[in-house]
N, C-alpha and C. Protein backbone atom coordinates (compact mmCIF):
# COMPACT_ATOMS: atom_id res chain seq x y z
N MET A 1 76.45 -34.93 8.75
CA MET A 1 77.82 -34.34 7.89
C MET A 1 78.57 -33.25 8.67
N SER A 2 79.93 -33.56 8.99
CA SER A 2 80.63 -32.33 9.56
C SER A 2 80.48 -30.90 9.33
N PRO A 3 80.83 -29.76 9.68
CA PRO A 3 80.87 -28.81 9.31
C PRO A 3 81.69 -28.54 8.09
N GLN A 4 83.09 -29.10 7.95
CA GLN A 4 83.53 -29.41 6.37
C GLN A 4 83.35 -29.51 5.70
N GLN A 5 82.49 -31.02 5.74
CA GLN A 5 81.88 -31.38 4.65
C GLN A 5 80.83 -30.62 4.07
N SER A 6 79.96 -30.42 4.72
CA SER A 6 79.11 -29.35 4.81
C SER A 6 79.46 -28.04 3.67
N SER A 7 80.43 -27.61 4.19
CA SER A 7 80.74 -26.45 3.57
C SER A 7 81.46 -26.83 2.16
N ARG A 8 81.94 -28.03 2.13
CA ARG A 8 82.80 -28.39 0.69
C ARG A 8 81.39 -28.41 -0.03
N TRP A 9 80.19 -29.07 0.44
CA TRP A 9 79.29 -29.63 -0.53
C TRP A 9 78.13 -28.17 -0.86
N LEU A 10 78.55 -27.34 0.07
CA LEU A 10 77.89 -25.88 -0.31
C LEU A 10 78.57 -25.56 -1.49
N ASN A 11 79.86 -25.45 -1.45
CA ASN A 11 80.48 -24.74 -2.41
C ASN A 11 80.64 -25.52 -3.71
N ARG A 12 80.22 -26.61 -3.79
CA ARG A 12 80.28 -27.55 -5.07
C ARG A 12 78.72 -27.28 -5.77
N PHE A 13 77.98 -26.80 -4.91
CA PHE A 13 76.35 -26.62 -5.30
C PHE A 13 76.49 -25.31 -5.97
N ALA A 14 77.37 -24.67 -4.85
CA ALA A 14 77.03 -22.85 -5.95
C ALA A 14 77.71 -23.18 -7.19
N TRP A 15 79.00 -24.13 -7.33
CA TRP A 15 79.47 -23.82 -8.64
C TRP A 15 78.32 -24.71 -9.63
N PHE A 16 77.48 -25.22 -9.20
CA PHE A 16 76.87 -25.94 -10.19
C PHE A 16 75.75 -25.16 -10.44
N THR A 17 75.19 -24.36 -9.43
CA THR A 17 74.69 -23.19 -9.82
C THR A 17 74.66 -22.39 -11.14
N ALA A 18 75.89 -21.87 -10.63
CA ALA A 18 76.67 -21.08 -11.54
C ALA A 18 77.14 -21.60 -13.04
N PHE A 19 77.15 -22.90 -12.80
CA PHE A 19 77.48 -23.66 -14.33
C PHE A 19 75.78 -23.40 -15.07
N ALA A 20 74.72 -23.91 -14.53
CA ALA A 20 73.61 -23.94 -14.58
C ALA A 20 72.93 -22.52 -15.16
N THR A 21 73.28 -21.47 -14.57
CA THR A 21 73.09 -19.85 -15.04
C THR A 21 73.64 -19.71 -16.14
N LEU A 22 74.99 -20.46 -16.41
CA LEU A 22 75.75 -20.04 -17.73
C LEU A 22 75.03 -20.78 -18.81
N LEU A 23 74.59 -21.86 -18.57
CA LEU A 23 73.82 -22.78 -19.66
C LEU A 23 72.37 -21.78 -19.85
N LEU A 24 71.72 -21.47 -18.91
CA LEU A 24 70.90 -20.66 -19.22
C LEU A 24 70.54 -19.33 -20.10
N ILE A 25 71.72 -18.53 -19.45
CA ILE A 25 72.13 -17.49 -20.60
C ILE A 25 72.83 -17.77 -21.86
N CYS A 26 73.23 -19.10 -22.08
CA CYS A 26 73.73 -19.59 -23.80
C CYS A 26 72.37 -19.63 -24.45
N SER A 27 71.54 -20.45 -23.44
CA SER A 27 69.85 -20.88 -24.32
C SER A 27 69.19 -19.60 -24.17
N GLY A 28 69.12 -18.46 -23.55
CA GLY A 28 68.42 -17.23 -24.00
C GLY A 28 69.33 -16.58 -25.13
N GLY A 29 70.53 -16.70 -25.13
CA GLY A 29 71.42 -16.35 -26.45
C GLY A 29 70.68 -16.90 -27.78
N MET A 30 70.51 -18.36 -27.56
CA MET A 30 69.71 -18.89 -28.98
C MET A 30 68.54 -18.44 -29.06
N VAL A 31 67.73 -18.22 -28.18
CA VAL A 31 66.35 -17.73 -28.44
C VAL A 31 66.60 -16.42 -29.22
N THR A 32 67.36 -15.42 -28.93
CA THR A 32 67.36 -14.24 -29.51
C THR A 32 67.96 -14.30 -30.61
N SER A 33 69.17 -14.94 -31.07
CA SER A 33 69.66 -15.06 -32.36
C SER A 33 68.83 -15.84 -33.55
N LYS A 34 67.93 -16.44 -33.14
CA LYS A 34 67.23 -17.41 -33.68
C LYS A 34 65.81 -16.49 -34.22
N GLY A 35 65.44 -15.52 -33.21
CA GLY A 35 64.22 -14.83 -33.19
C GLY A 35 63.15 -15.75 -32.92
N VAL A 36 63.21 -16.21 -31.74
CA VAL A 36 61.95 -17.30 -31.36
C VAL A 36 61.41 -17.06 -30.12
N GLY A 37 61.81 -15.61 -29.68
CA GLY A 37 61.06 -15.51 -28.30
C GLY A 37 59.83 -15.37 -27.95
N LEU A 38 58.87 -15.23 -29.38
CA LEU A 38 57.75 -15.32 -29.17
C LEU A 38 57.02 -16.79 -29.63
N ALA A 39 57.93 -17.44 -29.97
CA ALA A 39 57.23 -19.06 -30.53
C ALA A 39 56.47 -19.28 -29.33
N VAL A 40 56.37 -19.38 -28.07
CA VAL A 40 55.26 -19.62 -27.45
C VAL A 40 54.96 -18.18 -26.88
N PRO A 41 53.41 -17.89 -27.25
CA PRO A 41 52.89 -16.64 -26.67
C PRO A 41 52.40 -16.19 -25.84
N ASP A 42 52.05 -17.41 -24.74
CA ASP A 42 51.78 -17.11 -23.47
C ASP A 42 52.65 -17.35 -22.42
N TRP A 43 52.35 -16.79 -21.19
CA TRP A 43 53.12 -17.06 -20.11
C TRP A 43 52.28 -16.69 -18.73
N PRO A 44 52.32 -17.65 -17.55
CA PRO A 44 53.32 -18.60 -17.37
C PRO A 44 53.32 -19.60 -18.17
N THR A 45 52.10 -20.07 -18.84
CA THR A 45 51.72 -21.18 -19.20
C THR A 45 52.14 -21.20 -20.71
N THR A 46 52.10 -22.40 -21.39
CA THR A 46 52.81 -22.83 -22.58
C THR A 46 51.76 -23.34 -23.43
N PHE A 47 51.15 -22.65 -24.55
CA PHE A 47 50.05 -22.82 -25.32
C PHE A 47 49.08 -23.42 -24.50
N GLY A 48 48.51 -22.76 -23.17
CA GLY A 48 47.68 -23.19 -22.24
C GLY A 48 48.29 -24.51 -21.29
N TYR A 49 49.03 -25.39 -21.59
CA TYR A 49 49.76 -26.00 -20.66
C TYR A 49 50.52 -25.64 -19.41
N ASN A 50 50.59 -26.33 -18.65
CA ASN A 50 51.23 -26.03 -17.49
C ASN A 50 52.78 -26.31 -18.20
N MET A 51 53.64 -25.10 -17.81
CA MET A 51 54.84 -25.47 -18.63
C MET A 51 55.87 -26.83 -18.58
N PHE A 52 55.37 -27.43 -17.19
CA PHE A 52 56.07 -28.57 -16.91
C PHE A 52 55.39 -29.89 -17.75
N LEU A 53 54.37 -29.96 -17.89
CA LEU A 53 53.32 -30.63 -18.82
C LEU A 53 53.25 -30.65 -20.08
N PHE A 54 54.24 -29.49 -20.65
CA PHE A 54 53.83 -29.63 -22.11
C PHE A 54 54.33 -30.57 -22.93
N PRO A 55 53.82 -31.05 -23.99
CA PRO A 55 54.10 -32.28 -24.39
C PRO A 55 55.33 -32.39 -25.27
N ILE A 56 56.28 -33.15 -25.14
CA ILE A 56 57.41 -33.32 -25.49
C ILE A 56 57.40 -33.24 -27.41
N SER A 57 56.04 -33.97 -27.75
CA SER A 57 55.82 -34.08 -29.28
C SER A 57 56.04 -32.45 -29.98
N GLN A 58 55.50 -31.88 -29.06
CA GLN A 58 55.22 -30.40 -29.67
C GLN A 58 56.40 -29.43 -29.52
N TRP A 59 57.68 -29.94 -29.09
CA TRP A 59 58.74 -29.32 -28.79
C TRP A 59 59.38 -29.48 -30.34
N VAL A 60 58.99 -28.69 -30.88
CA VAL A 60 59.47 -28.33 -32.46
C VAL A 60 59.95 -26.99 -32.66
N GLY A 61 60.91 -26.88 -33.71
CA GLY A 61 61.12 -25.43 -34.33
C GLY A 61 61.58 -24.55 -33.38
N GLY A 62 61.12 -23.23 -33.05
CA GLY A 62 61.22 -22.28 -32.59
C GLY A 62 60.86 -22.68 -31.14
N ILE A 63 59.88 -23.57 -31.02
CA ILE A 63 58.87 -23.84 -29.59
C ILE A 63 60.01 -24.62 -28.71
N PHE A 64 60.73 -25.08 -29.37
CA PHE A 64 61.87 -26.11 -28.66
C PHE A 64 62.85 -25.13 -27.81
N PHE A 65 63.71 -23.82 -28.42
CA PHE A 65 64.30 -23.11 -27.99
C PHE A 65 63.62 -22.24 -26.94
N GLU A 66 62.66 -21.94 -27.26
CA GLU A 66 61.96 -20.96 -26.18
C GLU A 66 61.57 -21.81 -24.94
N HIS A 67 60.90 -23.11 -25.16
CA HIS A 67 60.36 -23.92 -24.28
C HIS A 67 61.61 -24.31 -23.26
N THR A 68 62.83 -24.79 -23.82
CA THR A 68 63.62 -25.41 -22.89
C THR A 68 64.42 -24.25 -22.34
N HIS A 69 64.44 -23.07 -22.77
CA HIS A 69 64.98 -21.78 -22.15
C HIS A 69 63.98 -21.72 -20.97
N ARG A 70 62.80 -21.63 -20.97
CA ARG A 70 61.66 -21.71 -19.61
C ARG A 70 62.11 -22.69 -18.66
N LEU A 71 62.10 -24.27 -19.47
CA LEU A 71 62.92 -24.80 -18.02
C LEU A 71 64.06 -24.81 -17.62
N ILE A 72 64.55 -24.41 -18.11
CA ILE A 72 66.11 -24.35 -17.37
C ILE A 72 66.03 -23.01 -16.88
N ALA A 73 65.36 -21.91 -16.94
CA ALA A 73 65.39 -20.79 -16.12
C ALA A 73 64.50 -21.68 -14.79
N SER A 74 63.48 -22.21 -15.01
CA SER A 74 63.00 -22.81 -13.65
C SER A 74 63.99 -23.41 -12.86
N THR A 75 64.81 -24.09 -13.57
CA THR A 75 65.62 -25.20 -12.68
C THR A 75 66.65 -24.12 -11.93
N VAL A 76 67.27 -23.34 -13.07
CA VAL A 76 68.14 -21.96 -12.12
C VAL A 76 67.41 -21.27 -10.65
N GLY A 77 66.04 -21.19 -11.11
CA GLY A 77 65.18 -20.62 -9.90
C GLY A 77 65.31 -21.76 -8.59
N PHE A 78 65.07 -22.59 -8.77
CA PHE A 78 64.72 -23.74 -7.83
C PHE A 78 66.24 -23.99 -7.34
N LEU A 79 67.36 -24.18 -7.94
CA LEU A 79 68.83 -23.93 -7.30
C LEU A 79 68.87 -22.90 -6.61
N THR A 80 68.18 -21.71 -7.01
CA THR A 80 68.89 -20.40 -6.22
C THR A 80 68.00 -20.35 -4.89
N ILE A 81 66.62 -20.98 -5.07
CA ILE A 81 66.00 -21.10 -3.57
C ILE A 81 66.73 -21.92 -2.66
N VAL A 82 67.42 -23.06 -2.82
CA VAL A 82 68.12 -24.00 -2.33
C VAL A 82 69.06 -23.48 -1.75
N LEU A 83 70.12 -22.36 -2.77
CA LEU A 83 71.33 -22.14 -2.54
C LEU A 83 70.97 -20.88 -1.42
N ALA A 84 69.94 -20.12 -1.44
CA ALA A 84 69.63 -19.08 -0.52
C ALA A 84 69.41 -19.91 1.20
N ALA A 85 68.44 -20.95 0.94
CA ALA A 85 68.36 -21.07 2.03
C ALA A 85 69.48 -22.18 2.72
N TRP A 86 70.51 -22.68 1.94
CA TRP A 86 71.11 -23.51 2.43
C TRP A 86 72.43 -22.50 3.27
N LEU A 87 72.67 -21.18 2.20
CA LEU A 87 73.29 -20.18 3.14
C LEU A 87 72.64 -19.72 4.51
N TYR A 88 71.77 -19.45 4.25
CA TYR A 88 70.95 -19.08 5.76
C TYR A 88 70.71 -20.04 6.88
N TRP A 89 70.81 -21.30 6.41
CA TRP A 89 70.99 -22.43 7.89
C TRP A 89 72.37 -22.45 8.41
N VAL A 90 73.27 -22.57 7.24
CA VAL A 90 74.51 -23.06 7.75
C VAL A 90 76.02 -22.04 7.72
N GLU A 91 75.66 -20.94 6.99
CA GLU A 91 76.66 -19.75 6.83
C GLU A 91 76.79 -18.92 7.85
N ASP A 92 77.75 -18.49 8.40
CA ASP A 92 78.11 -17.68 9.76
C ASP A 92 78.22 -16.06 9.48
N ARG A 93 78.39 -15.85 8.21
CA ARG A 93 78.55 -14.60 7.53
C ARG A 93 77.69 -13.90 7.28
N ARG A 94 77.10 -13.28 7.73
CA ARG A 94 75.89 -12.45 7.73
C ARG A 94 75.66 -11.52 6.17
N TRP A 95 76.91 -11.39 5.82
CA TRP A 95 76.82 -10.57 4.38
C TRP A 95 76.59 -11.53 3.48
N LEU A 96 77.37 -12.50 3.53
CA LEU A 96 77.24 -14.00 2.30
C LEU A 96 75.44 -14.42 2.40
N ARG A 97 74.84 -14.35 3.44
CA ARG A 97 73.62 -14.85 3.79
C ARG A 97 72.38 -14.09 2.88
N ASN A 98 73.17 -12.46 3.16
CA ASN A 98 72.46 -11.58 2.38
C ASN A 98 72.31 -11.66 1.09
N LEU A 99 73.78 -11.98 0.59
CA LEU A 99 73.81 -12.21 -1.12
C LEU A 99 72.87 -13.41 -1.30
N GLY A 100 72.93 -14.54 -0.58
CA GLY A 100 71.82 -15.34 -0.98
C GLY A 100 70.42 -14.73 -1.13
N PHE A 101 69.85 -13.89 -0.16
CA PHE A 101 68.69 -13.19 -0.52
C PHE A 101 68.43 -12.69 -1.87
N CYS A 102 69.72 -11.71 -1.89
CA CYS A 102 69.59 -10.74 -3.14
C CYS A 102 69.73 -12.11 -4.51
N ALA A 103 70.70 -12.96 -4.48
CA ALA A 103 70.47 -13.68 -5.64
C ALA A 103 68.64 -14.65 -6.01
N LEU A 104 68.29 -14.30 -4.75
CA LEU A 104 66.59 -15.22 -5.19
C LEU A 104 66.06 -14.24 -5.38
N GLY A 105 66.07 -12.53 -4.74
CA GLY A 105 65.04 -11.64 -5.49
C GLY A 105 65.37 -11.53 -6.59
N ALA A 106 66.92 -11.79 -7.04
CA ALA A 106 67.25 -11.26 -8.75
C ALA A 106 66.78 -12.34 -9.40
N VAL A 107 66.32 -13.86 -9.25
CA VAL A 107 66.31 -14.55 -10.12
C VAL A 107 64.48 -14.58 -10.36
N VAL A 108 64.04 -14.24 -9.10
CA VAL A 108 62.65 -13.91 -9.16
C VAL A 108 62.16 -12.58 -10.47
N LEU A 109 62.63 -11.81 -9.96
CA LEU A 109 62.90 -10.30 -10.89
C LEU A 109 63.20 -11.03 -12.31
N GLN A 110 64.48 -11.62 -12.34
CA GLN A 110 64.78 -12.08 -13.69
C GLN A 110 63.36 -12.65 -14.46
N GLY A 111 62.79 -13.76 -13.90
CA GLY A 111 61.55 -14.36 -14.21
C GLY A 111 60.56 -13.66 -14.90
N VAL A 112 60.11 -12.61 -13.76
CA VAL A 112 58.99 -11.91 -14.26
C VAL A 112 59.37 -11.00 -15.28
N LEU A 113 60.74 -10.50 -15.54
CA LEU A 113 61.10 -9.65 -16.64
C LEU A 113 61.22 -10.60 -18.02
N GLY A 114 61.10 -11.71 -17.88
CA GLY A 114 61.31 -12.66 -18.71
C GLY A 114 59.75 -13.23 -19.44
N GLY A 115 58.79 -13.39 -18.56
CA GLY A 115 57.49 -13.29 -18.74
C GLY A 115 56.88 -12.04 -19.27
N LEU A 116 57.02 -11.06 -18.63
CA LEU A 116 56.67 -9.45 -19.33
C LEU A 116 57.43 -9.31 -20.68
N ARG A 117 58.35 -9.62 -21.15
CA ARG A 117 58.88 -9.69 -22.26
C ARG A 117 57.83 -10.31 -23.50
N VAL A 118 57.41 -11.23 -22.68
CA VAL A 118 56.32 -12.16 -23.72
C VAL A 118 55.23 -11.19 -23.81
N THR A 119 54.77 -10.95 -22.62
CA THR A 119 53.22 -10.73 -22.44
C THR A 119 53.12 -9.09 -22.98
N MET A 120 54.18 -8.42 -22.85
CA MET A 120 54.06 -6.97 -23.50
C MET A 120 54.38 -6.36 -24.35
N LEU A 121 55.33 -7.54 -24.88
CA LEU A 121 56.03 -7.24 -26.70
C LEU A 121 56.96 -6.00 -26.59
N LYS A 122 57.88 -5.78 -25.51
CA LYS A 122 58.72 -4.75 -25.43
C LYS A 122 59.89 -5.29 -25.38
N ASP A 123 60.73 -4.38 -26.42
CA ASP A 123 62.08 -4.89 -26.61
C ASP A 123 63.02 -4.14 -25.40
N GLU A 124 62.15 -3.31 -24.96
CA GLU A 124 63.25 -2.50 -23.63
C GLU A 124 63.30 -3.45 -22.47
N ILE A 125 62.18 -4.28 -22.37
CA ILE A 125 62.14 -5.44 -21.24
C ILE A 125 63.34 -6.36 -21.45
N GLY A 126 63.15 -6.76 -22.70
CA GLY A 126 64.42 -7.76 -23.15
C GLY A 126 65.73 -7.14 -22.91
N ILE A 127 65.78 -6.04 -22.86
CA ILE A 127 67.52 -5.47 -22.83
C ILE A 127 67.77 -5.48 -21.13
N PHE A 128 66.48 -4.93 -20.37
CA PHE A 128 66.79 -5.32 -18.80
C PHE A 128 67.00 -7.02 -18.40
N HIS A 129 66.21 -7.43 -19.18
CA HIS A 129 66.29 -9.19 -19.05
C HIS A 129 67.51 -9.56 -19.11
N ALA A 130 67.86 -9.23 -20.17
CA ALA A 130 70.13 -9.53 -20.64
C ALA A 130 71.01 -9.17 -19.87
N CYS A 131 70.72 -7.95 -19.55
CA CYS A 131 71.74 -7.30 -18.54
C CYS A 131 71.52 -7.76 -17.14
N LEU A 132 70.55 -8.16 -16.84
CA LEU A 132 69.97 -8.84 -15.27
C LEU A 132 70.83 -10.01 -15.33
N ALA A 133 70.41 -10.70 -16.40
CA ALA A 133 71.06 -12.23 -16.41
C ALA A 133 72.68 -12.36 -16.15
N GLN A 134 73.35 -11.01 -16.86
CA GLN A 134 74.73 -11.27 -16.58
C GLN A 134 75.08 -10.86 -15.34
N ALA A 135 74.44 -9.74 -14.79
CA ALA A 135 74.54 -9.67 -13.05
C ALA A 135 74.21 -10.48 -12.22
N PHE A 136 73.34 -11.29 -12.45
CA PHE A 136 73.17 -12.30 -11.43
C PHE A 136 74.17 -13.51 -11.73
N LEU A 137 74.59 -13.66 -13.18
CA LEU A 137 75.62 -15.05 -12.90
C LEU A 137 76.74 -14.31 -12.49
N GLY A 138 77.17 -13.19 -12.47
CA GLY A 138 78.20 -12.71 -11.79
C GLY A 138 78.30 -12.97 -10.30
N LEU A 139 76.94 -12.47 -9.70
CA LEU A 139 76.40 -12.48 -8.04
C LEU A 139 76.51 -14.13 -7.62
N ILE A 140 76.34 -15.11 -8.80
CA ILE A 140 76.46 -16.66 -8.42
C ILE A 140 77.87 -16.89 -8.18
N VAL A 141 78.61 -16.67 -8.99
CA VAL A 141 80.27 -17.00 -9.06
C VAL A 141 80.88 -16.42 -7.86
N PHE A 142 80.35 -15.16 -7.64
CA PHE A 142 81.01 -14.31 -6.11
C PHE A 142 80.58 -15.15 -5.31
N ILE A 143 79.06 -15.75 -4.94
CA ILE A 143 78.87 -16.71 -3.95
C ILE A 143 79.69 -18.01 -3.51
N ALA A 144 79.95 -18.34 -4.61
CA ALA A 144 80.60 -19.92 -5.08
C ALA A 144 82.20 -19.54 -4.42
N LEU A 145 82.57 -18.41 -5.23
CA LEU A 145 84.25 -17.92 -4.66
C LEU A 145 84.11 -17.90 -3.05
N ALA A 146 82.92 -17.27 -2.56
CA ALA A 146 83.09 -17.01 -0.91
C ALA A 146 83.07 -18.20 -0.31
N THR A 147 82.38 -19.40 -0.88
CA THR A 147 82.59 -20.53 -0.06
C THR A 147 83.70 -21.32 -0.27
N THR A 148 84.45 -20.90 -0.95
CA THR A 148 85.83 -21.59 -1.22
C THR A 148 86.76 -21.55 -0.15
N LYS A 149 87.07 -23.04 0.28
CA LYS A 149 87.98 -23.15 1.43
C LYS A 149 89.42 -21.73 1.44
N PHE A 150 89.85 -21.45 0.18
CA PHE A 150 90.64 -20.53 0.01
C PHE A 150 90.15 -19.02 0.94
N TRP A 151 88.94 -18.93 0.11
CA TRP A 151 88.38 -17.54 0.53
C TRP A 151 88.23 -17.16 1.94
N GLN A 152 87.71 -18.71 2.85
CA GLN A 152 87.78 -18.53 4.11
C GLN A 152 88.75 -18.57 4.88
N SER A 153 90.04 -18.70 4.46
CA SER A 153 91.32 -18.81 4.93
C SER A 153 92.02 -17.64 4.94
N LEU A 154 91.52 -16.56 3.98
CA LEU A 154 92.06 -15.37 4.36
C LEU A 154 91.83 -14.67 5.37
N PRO A 155 92.83 -14.13 5.99
CA PRO A 155 92.66 -13.30 7.32
C PRO A 155 91.62 -11.95 7.33
N ALA A 156 91.10 -11.84 8.20
CA ALA A 156 90.15 -10.77 8.20
C ALA A 156 90.80 -9.27 8.23
N GLY A 157 90.18 -8.74 7.46
CA GLY A 157 90.65 -7.30 7.18
C GLY A 157 91.79 -7.57 6.20
N ASN A 158 92.37 -8.49 5.82
CA ASN A 158 93.68 -8.28 5.20
C ASN A 158 93.57 -7.50 3.85
N PHE A 159 92.39 -7.26 3.24
CA PHE A 159 92.61 -6.42 2.24
C PHE A 159 92.30 -5.09 2.34
N GLU A 160 91.89 -4.59 3.55
CA GLU A 160 91.31 -2.94 4.34
C GLU A 160 92.71 -2.11 3.93
N SER A 161 94.17 -2.46 3.96
CA SER A 161 95.27 -1.87 3.98
C SER A 161 95.17 -0.97 2.68
N LYS A 162 95.80 0.20 2.92
CA LYS A 162 95.57 1.09 1.66
C LYS A 162 96.40 0.76 0.37
N ARG A 163 97.43 0.10 0.62
CA ARG A 163 98.32 -0.26 -0.36
C ARG A 163 97.15 -1.33 -1.75
N TRP A 164 96.04 -1.46 -1.29
CA TRP A 164 95.02 -2.58 -1.99
C TRP A 164 93.98 -1.80 -2.70
N HIS A 165 93.99 -0.42 -2.16
CA HIS A 165 92.69 0.50 -2.81
C HIS A 165 93.09 0.81 -4.24
N PRO A 166 94.55 1.08 -4.96
CA PRO A 166 94.60 1.29 -6.12
C PRO A 166 93.95 -0.02 -7.06
N ILE A 167 94.36 -1.25 -6.57
CA ILE A 167 94.04 -2.37 -7.24
C ILE A 167 92.30 -2.97 -7.31
N ALA A 168 91.98 -2.26 -6.22
CA ALA A 168 90.47 -2.14 -6.09
C ALA A 168 89.42 -1.11 -6.87
N THR A 169 90.43 0.03 -7.27
CA THR A 169 89.67 1.12 -7.87
C THR A 169 89.82 0.47 -9.15
N VAL A 170 90.88 -0.12 -9.79
CA VAL A 170 90.89 -0.65 -11.12
C VAL A 170 90.32 -1.83 -11.39
N ALA A 171 89.80 -2.43 -10.43
CA ALA A 171 89.14 -3.65 -10.37
C ALA A 171 87.55 -3.43 -10.67
N ILE A 172 86.93 -2.56 -9.66
CA ILE A 172 85.65 -1.86 -9.82
C ILE A 172 85.45 -1.22 -11.24
N ALA A 173 86.50 -0.32 -11.60
CA ALA A 173 86.23 0.79 -13.00
C ALA A 173 86.14 -0.50 -14.23
N THR A 174 87.17 -1.47 -14.10
CA THR A 174 86.99 -2.14 -15.14
C THR A 174 85.51 -3.17 -15.21
N THR A 175 85.11 -3.40 -13.82
CA THR A 175 83.97 -4.17 -14.05
C THR A 175 82.85 -3.49 -14.56
N LEU A 176 83.03 -2.09 -14.29
CA LEU A 176 81.96 -1.22 -14.77
C LEU A 176 81.93 -1.14 -16.10
N VAL A 177 83.07 -0.83 -16.96
CA VAL A 177 83.33 -0.84 -18.43
C VAL A 177 82.43 -1.95 -18.86
N ILE A 178 82.93 -3.17 -18.60
CA ILE A 178 82.60 -4.23 -18.85
C ILE A 178 81.07 -4.77 -19.11
N TYR A 179 80.55 -3.76 -17.98
CA TYR A 179 79.22 -4.26 -17.93
C TYR A 179 78.32 -3.40 -18.99
N PHE A 180 79.16 -2.07 -19.08
CA PHE A 180 78.77 -0.85 -19.69
C PHE A 180 78.46 -1.39 -21.42
N GLN A 181 79.84 -2.40 -21.80
CA GLN A 181 79.99 -3.10 -22.59
C GLN A 181 78.65 -4.09 -23.21
N LEU A 182 78.47 -4.66 -22.05
CA LEU A 182 77.16 -5.71 -22.00
C LEU A 182 76.24 -5.10 -22.39
N ALA A 183 75.68 -3.98 -21.76
CA ALA A 183 74.60 -3.35 -22.01
C ALA A 183 74.29 -2.75 -23.37
N LEU A 184 75.70 -2.56 -23.73
CA LEU A 184 75.25 -1.85 -25.53
C LEU A 184 75.15 -3.28 -26.17
N GLY A 185 75.56 -4.24 -25.85
CA GLY A 185 75.41 -5.30 -26.79
C GLY A 185 73.93 -5.78 -26.64
N ALA A 186 73.63 -5.70 -25.41
CA ALA A 186 72.12 -6.25 -25.36
C ALA A 186 71.39 -5.09 -25.99
N THR A 187 71.41 -3.89 -25.95
CA THR A 187 70.89 -2.89 -26.55
C THR A 187 70.47 -3.44 -27.96
N MET A 188 71.92 -3.30 -28.66
CA MET A 188 71.51 -3.76 -29.90
C MET A 188 71.24 -4.98 -30.27
N ARG A 189 71.44 -5.88 -29.82
CA ARG A 189 70.94 -7.19 -30.13
C ARG A 189 68.89 -7.24 -29.72
N HIS A 190 68.55 -6.65 -28.88
CA HIS A 190 67.25 -6.51 -28.66
C HIS A 190 66.56 -5.25 -29.48
N GLN A 191 67.33 -4.42 -30.02
CA GLN A 191 66.53 -3.65 -31.03
C GLN A 191 66.92 -4.19 -32.57
N HIS A 192 67.40 -5.36 -32.61
CA HIS A 192 67.39 -5.88 -33.77
C HIS A 192 68.53 -4.71 -34.69
N ARG A 193 69.66 -4.50 -34.08
CA ARG A 193 70.51 -3.75 -34.97
C ARG A 193 72.22 -4.56 -35.06
N ASP A 194 71.81 -6.04 -34.83
CA ASP A 194 73.26 -6.74 -34.87
C ASP A 194 73.87 -6.80 -35.99
N LEU A 195 73.00 -6.53 -37.11
CA LEU A 195 73.26 -6.89 -38.72
C LEU A 195 73.86 -5.37 -39.36
N ALA A 196 73.49 -4.56 -38.60
CA ALA A 196 73.34 -3.35 -39.34
C ALA A 196 74.55 -2.77 -40.16
N ILE A 197 75.73 -3.17 -39.49
CA ILE A 197 77.07 -3.16 -39.98
C ILE A 197 77.50 -4.56 -40.26
N LEU A 198 77.67 -4.85 -41.74
CA LEU A 198 78.04 -6.30 -42.12
C LEU A 198 79.47 -6.91 -42.11
N ASP A 199 80.62 -5.90 -42.24
CA ASP A 199 81.90 -6.06 -42.27
C ASP A 199 82.81 -5.95 -41.03
N PHE A 200 83.87 -6.65 -40.57
CA PHE A 200 84.70 -6.59 -39.39
C PHE A 200 86.03 -6.72 -39.86
N PRO A 201 86.80 -6.15 -39.28
CA PRO A 201 86.87 -5.34 -38.38
C PRO A 201 86.88 -3.72 -38.76
N THR A 202 86.86 -3.78 -39.88
CA THR A 202 86.38 -2.04 -40.41
C THR A 202 84.72 -2.35 -40.60
N ALA A 203 84.01 -1.06 -40.72
CA ALA A 203 82.42 -0.61 -40.75
C ALA A 203 82.34 0.08 -41.86
N ASN A 204 81.84 -0.92 -42.52
CA ASN A 204 81.03 -0.57 -43.66
C ASN A 204 82.80 0.37 -44.61
N GLY A 205 83.63 -0.67 -44.65
CA GLY A 205 84.74 -0.46 -45.38
C GLY A 205 85.98 0.77 -44.79
N ALA A 206 85.27 1.67 -43.20
CA ALA A 206 86.08 2.46 -42.93
C ALA A 206 86.51 2.05 -41.61
N TRP A 207 87.73 2.55 -41.57
CA TRP A 207 88.66 2.40 -40.04
C TRP A 207 87.75 2.87 -39.16
N LEU A 208 87.29 4.61 -39.28
CA LEU A 208 86.76 5.45 -38.40
C LEU A 208 85.53 5.65 -39.08
N PRO A 209 84.47 4.90 -38.39
CA PRO A 209 83.18 4.88 -39.27
C PRO A 209 82.59 6.55 -39.21
N ASP A 210 81.71 6.36 -40.67
CA ASP A 210 81.49 7.97 -40.57
C ASP A 210 79.73 8.13 -39.61
N THR A 211 79.86 8.98 -38.76
CA THR A 211 79.02 9.26 -37.95
C THR A 211 78.07 10.10 -38.45
N SER A 212 77.92 10.76 -39.71
CA SER A 212 77.06 12.08 -40.03
C SER A 212 75.62 11.60 -40.31
N ALA A 213 75.02 12.26 -40.20
CA ALA A 213 73.54 11.93 -40.30
C ALA A 213 73.04 11.31 -41.45
N ASP A 214 73.54 11.60 -42.70
CA ASP A 214 73.17 10.57 -43.63
C ASP A 214 74.09 9.19 -43.64
N ALA A 215 75.20 9.19 -43.28
CA ALA A 215 75.76 7.55 -42.91
C ALA A 215 74.83 6.96 -42.06
N LEU A 216 74.50 7.83 -40.64
CA LEU A 216 73.36 6.83 -39.88
C LEU A 216 72.10 6.41 -40.26
N ALA A 217 71.56 7.69 -41.27
CA ALA A 217 70.35 6.89 -41.68
C ALA A 217 70.30 5.63 -42.63
N ALA A 218 71.23 5.74 -43.49
CA ALA A 218 71.67 4.75 -44.59
C ALA A 218 71.89 3.24 -43.59
N ILE A 219 72.67 3.53 -42.49
CA ILE A 219 72.91 2.31 -42.14
C ILE A 219 71.89 1.74 -41.13
N ASN A 220 70.67 2.52 -40.60
CA ASN A 220 69.69 2.17 -40.29
C ASN A 220 68.46 1.73 -41.22
N LYS A 221 68.37 2.22 -42.51
CA LYS A 221 67.89 1.71 -43.54
C LYS A 221 68.26 0.36 -43.98
């Protein structure tokens, strides 16, 4: 295989890994939405079975959503291992090889957090688990972009000019704001506050929500 073909297939594999990660996040959202995160009470086994040998006949109800989430997570983990190794062997850019190892470390940490969420019964772990999932998806997408032919055709140092600094500042600030919003959403979901206010776009009938102590106590109740 020529270097050009290898680069093309690497890029396709990176995008496939990103798609699998998006599917994993959607699967995790279904687990949270249906409240079946503890349908399988043990980890890394599934009701005492090896996760990959759990009988299909028992994939019912909440177990189906939780178990398939674990299987998709394992697939993403395997894909990330392959991606990191592929980058290490064929990629000349050291920073991109390092990002591959960062992705590998992140997916391992994500798996551990998911397991601890089950064994320790801590909502706080679920919040970190959700936030890391979004960051991991962003990292894989960035790796996929960096392996495109377009990215590699850009002149070295093209974005080092001062005229790009304002755009870079806006991009970084926007990313931080969006991630902060994701963290708020994860906190709300995993602390089971997502239905504290039942109307939209108003909040309990008001355009400016009442944040007095009495109002907050009533909402929490």
